[in-house]
């Protein structure tokens, strides 16, 4: 089902999934006039991993958006945000008028990490803030000793309505700088944001 990176489906895996979807559609059919309704939860995501488009956040002057070479697919770039000088910030906007949980996506590797442990802290514009969070830069243990280079999602705290600043500070020296790839706001009622990683890698 999976390719050699134990993350993406293999060609056979894609074929099997496509056939399963086709079987479901054949069995249940397609509703000609589907009933439309509102989602029970709200969320907002800015993900520049595959596009390099960071519209939706403000970035400190020392922020650098870099292209990561995807050796398996050289015609498709991946993008990540890092900070010169080992620390920097982003400013996000919560447009919902209520408190939201903030998750960030960042790059990790296994079996050893090329990225530094990094502190993230939410600085609210009213002067208050969340407790700092130390980001785990090791890829999740389910990959064992397989070499993987993937993004991981972690909750860093709660943000109020309006703008908030998230500051990042590398806590150690490493081969590569801390690399940020996405931010996500959620009410916390959606199980989908509990995923440990986002699709895609750079191997």
N, C-alpha and C. Protein backbone atom coordinates (compact mmCIF):
# COMPACT_ATOMS: atom_id res chain seq x y z
N UNK A 1 0.81 -1.21 0.00
CA UNK A 1 0.00 0.00 0.00
C UNK A 1 0.84 1.27 0.00
N UNK A 2 2.03 1.20 0.65
CA UNK A 2 2.82 2.41 0.81
C UNK A 2 4.13 2.33 0.03
N UNK A 3 4.65 3.51 -0.31
CA UNK A 3 5.94 3.62 -0.98
C UNK A 3 7.06 3.36 0.02
N UNK A 4 8.30 3.46 -0.45
CA UNK A 4 9.46 3.14 0.40
C UNK A 4 9.62 4.09 1.57
N UNK A 5 8.99 5.29 1.50
CA UNK A 5 9.11 6.23 2.61
C UNK A 5 8.11 5.93 3.73
N UNK A 6 7.28 4.91 3.55
CA UNK A 6 6.28 4.50 4.55
C UNK A 6 5.30 5.62 4.87
N UNK A 7 5.15 6.55 3.96
CA UNK A 7 4.29 7.71 4.22
C UNK A 7 3.29 7.91 3.09
N UNK A 8 3.77 7.89 1.86
CA UNK A 8 2.91 8.07 0.70
C UNK A 8 2.45 6.72 0.15
N UNK A 9 1.25 6.66 -0.42
CA UNK A 9 0.81 5.42 -1.06
C UNK A 9 1.68 5.09 -2.28
N UNK A 10 1.90 3.81 -2.50
CA UNK A 10 2.60 3.37 -3.70
C UNK A 10 1.64 3.44 -4.89
N UNK A 11 2.13 3.14 -6.08
CA UNK A 11 1.26 3.11 -7.26
C UNK A 11 0.12 2.12 -7.05
N UNK A 12 0.45 0.95 -6.51
CA UNK A 12 -0.57 -0.05 -6.24
C UNK A 12 -1.54 0.44 -5.16
N UNK A 13 -1.00 1.15 -4.17
CA UNK A 13 -1.86 1.69 -3.12
C UNK A 13 -2.86 2.70 -3.66
N UNK A 14 -2.39 3.58 -4.55
CA UNK A 14 -3.28 4.55 -5.20
C UNK A 14 -4.39 3.83 -5.98
N UNK A 15 -4.00 2.78 -6.70
CA UNK A 15 -4.98 2.04 -7.49
C UNK A 15 -6.03 1.39 -6.61
N UNK A 16 -5.59 0.83 -5.47
CA UNK A 16 -6.53 0.18 -4.56
C UNK A 16 -7.51 1.19 -3.95
N UNK A 17 -6.99 2.36 -3.56
CA UNK A 17 -7.86 3.39 -2.97
C UNK A 17 -8.85 3.91 -4.01
N UNK A 18 -8.38 4.10 -5.24
CA UNK A 18 -9.27 4.58 -6.30
C UNK A 18 -10.38 3.57 -6.55
N UNK A 19 -10.04 2.29 -6.55
CA UNK A 19 -11.05 1.26 -6.78
C UNK A 19 -12.07 1.21 -5.65
N UNK A 20 -11.63 1.42 -4.41
CA UNK A 20 -12.55 1.42 -3.28
C UNK A 20 -13.53 2.58 -3.38
N UNK A 21 -13.01 3.75 -3.76
CA UNK A 21 -13.90 4.91 -3.93
C UNK A 21 -14.91 4.64 -5.04
N UNK A 22 -14.44 4.08 -6.13
CA UNK A 22 -15.32 3.77 -7.25
C UNK A 22 -16.41 2.78 -6.83
N UNK A 23 -16.03 1.79 -6.02
CA UNK A 23 -17.00 0.80 -5.55
C UNK A 23 -18.08 1.45 -4.68
N UNK A 24 -17.67 2.39 -3.84
CA UNK A 24 -18.63 3.09 -2.97
C UNK A 24 -19.61 3.90 -3.81
N UNK A 25 -19.07 4.62 -4.81
CA UNK A 25 -19.93 5.44 -5.67
C UNK A 25 -20.91 4.56 -6.45
N UNK A 26 -20.41 3.43 -6.96
CA UNK A 26 -21.29 2.52 -7.69
C UNK A 26 -22.40 1.97 -6.80
N UNK A 27 -22.07 1.68 -5.55
CA UNK A 27 -23.04 1.08 -4.64
C UNK A 27 -24.09 2.09 -4.18
N UNK A 28 -23.63 3.30 -3.77
CA UNK A 28 -24.55 4.29 -3.20
C UNK A 28 -25.08 5.27 -4.24
N UNK A 29 -24.38 5.41 -5.34
CA UNK A 29 -24.80 6.38 -6.34
C UNK A 29 -24.38 7.78 -5.97
N UNK A 30 -24.77 8.76 -6.78
CA UNK A 30 -24.45 10.17 -6.56
C UNK A 30 -25.75 10.94 -6.42
N UNK A 31 -25.89 11.67 -5.33
CA UNK A 31 -27.10 12.46 -5.10
C UNK A 31 -27.14 13.63 -6.08
N UNK A 32 -28.22 13.74 -6.83
CA UNK A 32 -28.31 14.80 -7.83
C UNK A 32 -28.56 16.17 -7.20
N UNK A 33 -29.29 16.21 -6.12
CA UNK A 33 -29.56 17.48 -5.43
C UNK A 33 -29.18 17.32 -3.96
N UNK A 34 -27.89 17.42 -3.66
CA UNK A 34 -27.45 17.19 -2.29
C UNK A 34 -27.97 18.27 -1.34
N UNK A 35 -28.21 17.87 -0.11
CA UNK A 35 -28.65 18.81 0.92
C UNK A 35 -27.44 19.56 1.46
N UNK A 36 -27.49 20.87 1.41
CA UNK A 36 -26.38 21.68 1.88
C UNK A 36 -26.69 22.24 3.26
N UNK A 37 -25.67 22.30 4.10
CA UNK A 37 -25.86 22.84 5.44
C UNK A 37 -24.56 23.47 5.92
N UNK A 38 -24.57 23.99 7.12
CA UNK A 38 -23.39 24.63 7.69
C UNK A 38 -22.59 23.62 8.51
N UNK A 39 -21.27 23.79 8.49
CA UNK A 39 -20.42 22.98 9.33
C UNK A 39 -20.68 23.32 10.79
N UNK A 40 -20.51 22.32 11.66
CA UNK A 40 -20.74 22.55 13.08
C UNK A 40 -19.54 23.20 13.76
N UNK A 41 -18.38 23.21 13.09
CA UNK A 41 -17.19 23.83 13.64
C UNK A 41 -16.59 24.79 12.62
N UNK A 42 -15.71 25.66 13.08
CA UNK A 42 -15.03 26.61 12.20
C UNK A 42 -13.53 26.35 12.25
N UNK A 43 -12.86 26.59 11.14
CA UNK A 43 -11.41 26.51 11.14
C UNK A 43 -10.87 27.42 10.04
N UNK A 44 -9.59 27.70 10.15
CA UNK A 44 -8.92 28.57 9.18
C UNK A 44 -7.48 28.11 9.08
N UNK A 45 -7.01 27.87 7.85
CA UNK A 45 -5.66 27.33 7.66
C UNK A 45 -4.90 28.14 6.63
N UNK A 46 -3.62 28.38 6.91
CA UNK A 46 -2.68 28.94 5.93
C UNK A 46 -1.55 27.92 5.80
N UNK A 47 -1.43 27.31 4.62
CA UNK A 47 -0.46 26.24 4.40
C UNK A 47 0.34 26.57 3.14
N UNK A 48 1.61 26.84 3.29
CA UNK A 48 2.45 27.22 2.16
C UNK A 48 3.43 26.11 1.76
N UNK A 49 3.27 24.92 2.31
CA UNK A 49 4.21 23.81 2.07
C UNK A 49 4.32 23.47 0.59
N UNK A 50 3.20 23.46 -0.12
CA UNK A 50 3.23 23.06 -1.53
C UNK A 50 3.11 24.23 -2.49
N UNK A 51 2.80 25.43 -1.99
CA UNK A 51 2.58 26.58 -2.90
C UNK A 51 3.57 27.72 -2.69
N UNK A 52 4.11 27.85 -1.49
CA UNK A 52 4.96 29.00 -1.19
C UNK A 52 4.18 30.27 -0.95
N UNK A 53 2.86 30.17 -0.86
CA UNK A 53 1.99 31.33 -0.68
C UNK A 53 1.69 31.53 0.80
N UNK A 54 2.25 32.56 1.40
CA UNK A 54 2.07 32.82 2.83
C UNK A 54 1.05 33.93 3.10
N UNK A 55 0.24 34.27 2.09
CA UNK A 55 -0.79 35.28 2.32
C UNK A 55 -1.73 34.79 3.43
N UNK A 56 -2.03 35.69 4.37
CA UNK A 56 -2.84 35.32 5.52
C UNK A 56 -2.09 35.43 6.83
N UNK A 57 -0.75 35.55 6.74
CA UNK A 57 0.06 35.81 7.93
C UNK A 57 1.06 36.91 7.62
N UNK A 58 1.49 37.62 8.66
CA UNK A 58 2.60 38.56 8.54
C UNK A 58 3.84 37.90 9.12
N UNK A 59 5.01 38.22 8.57
CA UNK A 59 6.26 37.55 8.92
C UNK A 59 7.29 38.59 9.36
N UNK A 60 8.08 38.28 10.39
CA UNK A 60 9.13 39.18 10.84
C UNK A 60 10.12 39.44 9.71
N UNK A 61 10.80 40.61 9.74
CA UNK A 61 11.70 40.98 8.63
C UNK A 61 12.80 39.96 8.35
N UNK A 62 13.17 39.17 9.35
CA UNK A 62 14.24 38.18 9.14
C UNK A 62 13.70 36.82 8.70
N UNK A 63 12.41 36.76 8.37
CA UNK A 63 11.83 35.51 7.89
C UNK A 63 12.26 35.21 6.46
N UNK A 64 12.57 33.97 6.18
CA UNK A 64 13.04 33.54 4.86
C UNK A 64 12.17 32.38 4.37
N UNK A 65 11.50 32.57 3.25
CA UNK A 65 10.73 31.49 2.64
C UNK A 65 11.64 30.78 1.65
N UNK A 66 11.96 29.52 1.94
CA UNK A 66 12.91 28.79 1.11
C UNK A 66 12.24 27.64 0.39
N UNK A 67 12.79 27.30 -0.76
CA UNK A 67 12.33 26.17 -1.54
C UNK A 67 13.12 24.94 -1.14
N UNK A 68 12.42 23.86 -0.83
CA UNK A 68 13.07 22.62 -0.44
C UNK A 68 13.04 21.66 -1.62
N UNK A 69 14.20 21.11 -1.99
CA UNK A 69 14.27 20.22 -3.14
C UNK A 69 13.63 18.89 -2.81
N UNK A 70 12.64 18.51 -3.59
CA UNK A 70 12.01 17.20 -3.47
C UNK A 70 12.70 16.26 -4.44
N UNK A 71 13.59 15.41 -3.90
CA UNK A 71 14.42 14.59 -4.78
C UNK A 71 13.61 13.55 -5.54
N UNK A 72 12.48 13.11 -4.98
CA UNK A 72 11.66 12.11 -5.68
C UNK A 72 10.83 12.76 -6.79
N UNK A 73 10.50 14.02 -6.60
CA UNK A 73 9.69 14.73 -7.61
C UNK A 73 10.37 16.07 -7.89
N UNK A 74 11.45 16.08 -8.67
CA UNK A 74 12.25 17.30 -8.84
C UNK A 74 11.50 18.44 -9.51
N UNK A 75 10.37 18.16 -10.15
CA UNK A 75 9.64 19.23 -10.81
C UNK A 75 8.67 19.93 -9.86
N UNK A 76 8.54 19.42 -8.64
CA UNK A 76 7.62 20.01 -7.68
C UNK A 76 8.40 20.46 -6.44
N UNK A 77 8.36 21.75 -6.15
CA UNK A 77 9.05 22.27 -4.98
C UNK A 77 8.17 22.16 -3.75
N UNK A 78 8.83 22.15 -2.59
CA UNK A 78 8.16 22.28 -1.30
C UNK A 78 8.75 23.52 -0.65
N UNK A 79 7.97 24.17 0.21
CA UNK A 79 8.40 25.45 0.77
C UNK A 79 8.27 25.47 2.28
N UNK A 80 9.21 26.15 2.92
CA UNK A 80 9.17 26.29 4.37
C UNK A 80 9.68 27.66 4.77
N UNK A 81 9.23 28.12 5.92
CA UNK A 81 9.62 29.43 6.45
C UNK A 81 10.59 29.22 7.59
N UNK A 82 11.75 29.88 7.51
CA UNK A 82 12.72 29.85 8.60
C UNK A 82 13.09 31.28 8.96
N UNK A 83 13.90 31.43 10.01
CA UNK A 83 14.23 32.77 10.51
C UNK A 83 15.74 32.91 10.67
N UNK A 84 16.30 33.95 10.04
CA UNK A 84 17.73 34.24 10.21
C UNK A 84 17.98 34.71 11.65
N UNK A 85 19.06 34.22 12.25
CA UNK A 85 19.37 34.62 13.61
C UNK A 85 18.71 33.76 14.66
N UNK A 86 18.10 32.65 14.24
CA UNK A 86 17.58 31.62 15.15
C UNK A 86 16.29 31.99 15.87
N UNK A 87 15.72 33.15 15.59
CA UNK A 87 14.43 33.47 16.18
C UNK A 87 13.69 34.46 15.30
N UNK A 88 12.36 34.44 15.41
CA UNK A 88 11.53 35.33 14.62
C UNK A 88 10.07 35.17 15.01
N UNK A 89 9.18 35.77 14.24
CA UNK A 89 7.76 35.73 14.60
C UNK A 89 6.87 35.75 13.37
N UNK A 90 5.63 35.32 13.58
CA UNK A 90 4.58 35.50 12.60
C UNK A 90 3.39 36.15 13.30
N UNK A 91 2.60 36.91 12.57
CA UNK A 91 1.37 37.48 13.12
C UNK A 91 0.20 36.85 12.40
N UNK A 92 -0.74 36.33 13.17
CA UNK A 92 -1.90 35.67 12.61
C UNK A 92 -3.16 36.43 12.98
N UNK A 93 -4.21 36.22 12.23
CA UNK A 93 -5.50 36.86 12.50
C UNK A 93 -6.56 35.80 12.72
N UNK A 94 -7.24 35.90 13.85
CA UNK A 94 -8.39 35.04 14.15
C UNK A 94 -9.64 35.82 13.79
N UNK A 95 -10.31 35.46 12.68
CA UNK A 95 -11.44 36.26 12.19
C UNK A 95 -12.79 35.86 12.76
N UNK A 96 -12.82 34.92 13.70
CA UNK A 96 -14.10 34.31 14.09
C UNK A 96 -14.81 35.00 15.24
N UNK A 97 -14.14 35.90 15.95
CA UNK A 97 -14.82 36.58 17.04
C UNK A 97 -14.90 35.78 18.33
N UNK A 98 -14.26 34.61 18.37
CA UNK A 98 -14.21 33.78 19.57
C UNK A 98 -12.78 33.25 19.75
N UNK A 99 -12.49 32.71 20.92
CA UNK A 99 -11.20 32.09 21.13
C UNK A 99 -11.08 30.83 20.26
N UNK A 100 -9.88 30.62 19.71
CA UNK A 100 -9.63 29.46 18.85
C UNK A 100 -8.33 28.80 19.28
N UNK A 101 -8.25 27.50 19.04
CA UNK A 101 -7.01 26.77 19.28
C UNK A 101 -6.07 26.99 18.10
N UNK A 102 -4.79 27.21 18.39
CA UNK A 102 -3.80 27.43 17.35
C UNK A 102 -2.88 26.22 17.23
N UNK A 103 -2.80 25.68 16.01
CA UNK A 103 -1.88 24.58 15.69
C UNK A 103 -0.88 25.09 14.66
N UNK A 104 0.34 24.58 14.71
CA UNK A 104 1.32 24.92 13.69
C UNK A 104 1.88 23.63 13.09
N UNK A 105 2.26 23.71 11.82
CA UNK A 105 2.91 22.60 11.13
C UNK A 105 4.36 22.97 10.88
N UNK A 106 5.26 22.04 11.16
CA UNK A 106 6.69 22.31 11.02
C UNK A 106 7.39 21.03 10.61
N UNK A 107 8.60 21.15 10.06
CA UNK A 107 9.31 20.01 9.51
C UNK A 107 10.01 19.20 10.60
N UNK A 108 10.00 17.87 10.40
CA UNK A 108 10.69 16.94 11.30
C UNK A 108 11.36 15.87 10.47
N UNK A 109 12.30 15.16 11.09
CA UNK A 109 12.97 14.05 10.42
C UNK A 109 13.12 12.88 11.38
N UNK A 110 13.39 11.72 10.81
CA UNK A 110 13.69 10.51 11.57
C UNK A 110 14.62 9.66 10.69
N UNK A 111 15.45 8.77 11.30
CA UNK A 111 15.48 8.45 12.73
C UNK A 111 16.22 9.48 13.60
N UNK A 112 17.01 10.35 12.99
CA UNK A 112 17.65 11.43 13.76
C UNK A 112 17.16 12.76 13.23
N UNK A 113 17.18 13.78 14.07
CA UNK A 113 16.65 15.09 13.69
C UNK A 113 17.74 15.98 13.13
N UNK A 114 17.42 16.69 12.06
CA UNK A 114 18.34 17.70 11.52
C UNK A 114 17.90 19.10 11.94
N UNK A 115 16.81 19.15 12.72
CA UNK A 115 16.23 20.44 13.11
C UNK A 115 16.40 20.69 14.61
N UNK A 116 16.43 21.96 15.03
CA UNK A 116 16.65 22.26 16.45
C UNK A 116 15.35 22.22 17.25
N UNK A 117 15.45 21.82 18.51
CA UNK A 117 14.33 22.04 19.41
C UNK A 117 14.03 23.53 19.43
N UNK A 118 12.77 23.87 19.33
CA UNK A 118 12.39 25.27 19.16
C UNK A 118 11.24 25.62 20.11
N UNK A 119 11.36 26.77 20.72
CA UNK A 119 10.30 27.26 21.61
C UNK A 119 9.32 28.13 20.83
N UNK A 120 8.04 27.88 21.04
CA UNK A 120 6.99 28.69 20.44
C UNK A 120 6.15 29.28 21.55
N UNK A 121 5.85 30.57 21.44
CA UNK A 121 5.02 31.22 22.45
C UNK A 121 4.08 32.20 21.78
N UNK A 122 2.82 32.17 22.18
CA UNK A 122 1.81 33.09 21.66
C UNK A 122 1.85 34.36 22.48
N UNK A 123 2.02 35.48 21.80
CA UNK A 123 2.04 36.79 22.45
C UNK A 123 0.79 37.54 22.01
N UNK A 124 -0.17 37.66 22.90
CA UNK A 124 -1.40 38.36 22.57
C UNK A 124 -1.17 39.86 22.60
N UNK A 125 -1.88 40.59 21.77
CA UNK A 125 -1.63 42.02 21.63
C UNK A 125 -2.15 42.83 22.81
N UNK A 126 -2.88 42.18 23.74
CA UNK A 126 -3.31 42.90 24.94
C UNK A 126 -2.29 42.80 26.06
N UNK A 127 -1.12 42.20 25.74
CA UNK A 127 -0.06 42.13 26.73
C UNK A 127 0.06 40.80 27.43
N UNK A 128 -0.94 39.96 27.30
CA UNK A 128 -0.89 38.64 27.93
C UNK A 128 -0.45 37.61 26.91
N UNK A 129 -0.12 36.42 27.39
CA UNK A 129 0.32 35.39 26.47
C UNK A 129 0.19 34.01 27.06
N UNK A 130 0.41 33.01 26.20
CA UNK A 130 0.36 31.62 26.61
C UNK A 130 1.73 31.19 27.15
N UNK A 131 1.76 30.07 27.84
CA UNK A 131 3.02 29.48 28.28
C UNK A 131 3.80 28.98 27.07
N UNK A 132 5.13 29.11 27.07
CA UNK A 132 5.92 28.62 25.94
C UNK A 132 5.76 27.12 25.75
N UNK A 133 5.84 26.68 24.50
CA UNK A 133 5.77 25.26 24.14
C UNK A 133 7.07 24.90 23.43
N UNK A 134 7.69 23.79 23.83
CA UNK A 134 8.87 23.30 23.14
C UNK A 134 8.42 22.29 22.09
N UNK A 135 8.73 22.57 20.83
CA UNK A 135 8.27 21.74 19.72
C UNK A 135 9.15 20.50 19.57
N UNK A 136 8.52 19.36 19.47
CA UNK A 136 9.22 18.09 19.25
C UNK A 136 9.61 18.01 17.79
N UNK A 137 10.90 17.99 17.49
CA UNK A 137 11.36 18.00 16.09
C UNK A 137 11.68 16.62 15.56
N UNK A 138 11.39 15.57 16.35
CA UNK A 138 11.57 14.21 15.87
C UNK A 138 10.28 13.75 15.19
N UNK A 139 10.41 13.08 14.05
CA UNK A 139 9.23 12.53 13.39
C UNK A 139 8.61 11.47 14.30
N UNK A 140 7.32 11.25 14.13
CA UNK A 140 6.60 10.35 15.03
C UNK A 140 7.19 8.95 15.00
N UNK A 141 7.09 8.24 16.14
CA UNK A 141 7.78 6.97 16.34
C UNK A 141 7.28 5.86 15.43
N UNK A 142 6.10 6.01 14.85
CA UNK A 142 5.53 4.93 14.05
C UNK A 142 6.38 4.57 12.84
N UNK A 143 7.32 5.45 12.45
CA UNK A 143 8.17 5.17 11.29
C UNK A 143 9.40 4.36 11.65
N UNK A 144 9.65 4.14 12.96
CA UNK A 144 10.79 3.34 13.37
C UNK A 144 12.11 3.93 12.89
N UNK A 145 12.94 3.11 12.27
CA UNK A 145 14.24 3.56 11.78
C UNK A 145 14.22 3.98 10.32
N UNK A 146 13.04 4.06 9.73
CA UNK A 146 12.96 4.48 8.33
C UNK A 146 13.33 5.95 8.21
N UNK A 147 14.08 6.32 7.19
CA UNK A 147 14.41 7.74 6.98
C UNK A 147 13.21 8.49 6.43
N UNK A 148 12.67 9.43 7.19
CA UNK A 148 11.54 10.23 6.74
C UNK A 148 11.82 11.70 7.00
N UNK A 149 11.20 12.55 6.21
CA UNK A 149 11.34 14.01 6.32
C UNK A 149 9.96 14.59 6.07
N UNK A 150 9.20 14.81 7.14
CA UNK A 150 7.78 15.14 7.02
C UNK A 150 7.42 16.32 7.92
N UNK A 151 6.24 16.86 7.68
CA UNK A 151 5.74 17.92 8.55
C UNK A 151 4.89 17.33 9.66
N UNK A 152 4.90 17.99 10.80
CA UNK A 152 4.17 17.55 11.98
C UNK A 152 3.33 18.71 12.49
N UNK A 153 2.16 18.40 13.05
CA UNK A 153 1.25 19.43 13.55
C UNK A 153 1.18 19.34 15.07
N UNK A 154 1.25 20.50 15.73
CA UNK A 154 1.20 20.53 17.19
C UNK A 154 0.41 21.75 17.66
N UNK A 155 -0.41 21.55 18.68
CA UNK A 155 -1.14 22.66 19.28
C UNK A 155 -0.18 23.48 20.15
N UNK A 156 -0.22 24.81 19.98
CA UNK A 156 0.66 25.65 20.77
C UNK A 156 -0.10 26.55 21.74
N UNK A 157 -1.44 26.57 21.67
CA UNK A 157 -2.18 27.36 22.64
C UNK A 157 -3.49 27.91 22.10
N UNK A 158 -4.01 28.91 22.81
CA UNK A 158 -5.30 29.54 22.49
C UNK A 158 -5.05 30.98 22.07
N UNK A 159 -5.76 31.42 21.02
CA UNK A 159 -5.67 32.82 20.60
C UNK A 159 -7.04 33.45 20.68
N UNK A 160 -7.07 34.73 21.04
CA UNK A 160 -8.32 35.49 21.07
C UNK A 160 -8.69 35.95 19.66
N UNK A 161 -9.87 36.52 19.52
CA UNK A 161 -10.26 37.11 18.25
C UNK A 161 -9.30 38.24 17.90
N UNK A 162 -9.07 38.43 16.62
CA UNK A 162 -8.16 39.48 16.18
C UNK A 162 -6.75 38.96 15.99
N UNK A 163 -5.77 39.85 16.09
CA UNK A 163 -4.39 39.50 15.79
C UNK A 163 -3.62 39.03 17.02
N UNK A 164 -2.75 38.08 16.79
CA UNK A 164 -1.82 37.58 17.81
C UNK A 164 -0.47 37.33 17.14
N UNK A 165 0.59 37.43 17.92
CA UNK A 165 1.94 37.15 17.42
C UNK A 165 2.43 35.85 18.03
N UNK A 166 3.03 35.01 17.20
CA UNK A 166 3.65 33.77 17.67
C UNK A 166 5.15 33.91 17.46
N UNK A 167 5.90 33.82 18.55
CA UNK A 167 7.36 33.95 18.49
C UNK A 167 8.02 32.58 18.55
N UNK A 168 9.07 32.42 17.76
CA UNK A 168 9.82 31.17 17.71
C UNK A 168 11.28 31.44 18.06
N UNK A 169 11.88 30.56 18.88
CA UNK A 169 13.27 30.70 19.26
C UNK A 169 13.92 29.33 19.29
N UNK A 170 14.95 29.14 18.46
CA UNK A 170 15.67 27.87 18.46
C UNK A 170 16.44 27.72 19.75
N UNK A 171 16.39 26.50 20.32
CA UNK A 171 17.00 26.26 21.63
C UNK A 171 18.35 25.56 21.54
N UNK A 172 18.78 25.22 20.33
CA UNK A 172 20.04 24.51 20.17
C UNK A 172 20.54 24.69 18.74
N UNK A 173 21.81 24.38 18.51
CA UNK A 173 22.38 24.39 17.17
C UNK A 173 22.00 23.10 16.46
N UNK A 174 21.85 23.18 15.14
CA UNK A 174 21.47 22.00 14.38
C UNK A 174 21.93 22.14 12.94
N UNK A 175 21.76 21.05 12.18
CA UNK A 175 22.17 21.06 10.78
C UNK A 175 21.34 22.04 9.96
N UNK A 176 20.02 22.11 10.22
CA UNK A 176 19.12 22.99 9.50
C UNK A 176 18.36 23.87 10.48
N UNK A 177 17.88 25.04 10.03
CA UNK A 177 17.08 25.89 10.92
C UNK A 177 15.68 25.33 11.10
N UNK A 178 15.00 25.80 12.13
CA UNK A 178 13.59 25.46 12.31
C UNK A 178 12.82 25.88 11.07
N UNK A 179 11.92 25.00 10.59
CA UNK A 179 11.18 25.27 9.36
C UNK A 179 9.68 25.14 9.62
N UNK A 180 8.97 26.23 9.41
CA UNK A 180 7.53 26.30 9.62
C UNK A 180 6.82 26.17 8.28
N UNK A 181 5.72 25.40 8.23
CA UNK A 181 5.04 25.19 6.95
C UNK A 181 3.55 25.52 6.97
N UNK A 182 2.93 25.73 8.15
CA UNK A 182 1.50 26.01 8.16
C UNK A 182 1.04 26.49 9.52
N UNK A 183 -0.11 27.16 9.54
CA UNK A 183 -0.80 27.49 10.79
C UNK A 183 -2.27 27.15 10.61
N UNK A 184 -2.90 26.72 11.69
CA UNK A 184 -4.29 26.29 11.64
C UNK A 184 -5.02 26.77 12.89
N UNK A 185 -6.17 27.40 12.69
CA UNK A 185 -7.06 27.78 13.78
C UNK A 185 -8.25 26.85 13.79
N UNK A 186 -8.63 26.37 14.99
CA UNK A 186 -9.75 25.44 15.10
C UNK A 186 -10.47 25.69 16.42
N UNK A 187 -11.75 25.33 16.45
CA UNK A 187 -12.51 25.43 17.69
C UNK A 187 -12.13 24.33 18.66
N UNK A 188 -11.38 23.34 18.20
CA UNK A 188 -10.99 22.23 19.05
C UNK A 188 -11.98 21.11 19.06
N UNK A 189 -13.11 21.27 18.33
CA UNK A 189 -14.14 20.23 18.30
C UNK A 189 -14.02 19.33 17.08
N UNK A 190 -13.03 19.61 16.25
CA UNK A 190 -12.85 18.85 15.02
C UNK A 190 -11.70 17.88 15.20
N UNK A 191 -11.99 16.58 15.18
CA UNK A 191 -10.96 15.57 15.39
C UNK A 191 -9.88 15.59 14.31
N UNK A 192 -10.19 16.19 13.16
CA UNK A 192 -9.23 16.16 12.05
C UNK A 192 -7.94 16.86 12.41
N UNK A 193 -7.99 17.87 13.28
CA UNK A 193 -6.77 18.60 13.61
C UNK A 193 -5.90 17.84 14.59
N UNK A 194 -6.34 16.67 15.04
CA UNK A 194 -5.51 15.87 15.92
C UNK A 194 -4.46 15.07 15.16
N UNK A 195 -4.44 15.19 13.83
CA UNK A 195 -3.44 14.49 13.04
C UNK A 195 -2.05 14.96 13.45
N UNK A 196 -1.09 14.05 13.48
CA UNK A 196 0.28 14.38 13.87
C UNK A 196 1.08 14.96 12.74
N UNK A 197 0.60 14.83 11.49
CA UNK A 197 1.39 15.31 10.38
C UNK A 197 0.49 15.77 9.24
N UNK A 198 1.04 16.54 8.37
CA UNK A 198 0.35 16.98 7.17
C UNK A 198 0.85 16.16 5.98
N UNK A 199 0.06 16.10 4.91
CA UNK A 199 0.51 15.34 3.74
C UNK A 199 1.78 15.91 3.16
N UNK A 200 2.62 15.03 2.66
CA UNK A 200 3.79 15.46 1.90
C UNK A 200 5.10 15.29 2.66
N UNK A 201 6.16 15.10 1.92
CA UNK A 201 7.49 15.11 2.50
C UNK A 201 8.45 15.66 1.46
N UNK A 202 9.73 15.72 1.80
CA UNK A 202 10.70 16.29 0.87
C UNK A 202 11.78 15.29 0.52
N UNK A 203 11.54 14.02 0.80
CA UNK A 203 12.54 13.01 0.46
C UNK A 203 12.34 12.52 -0.97
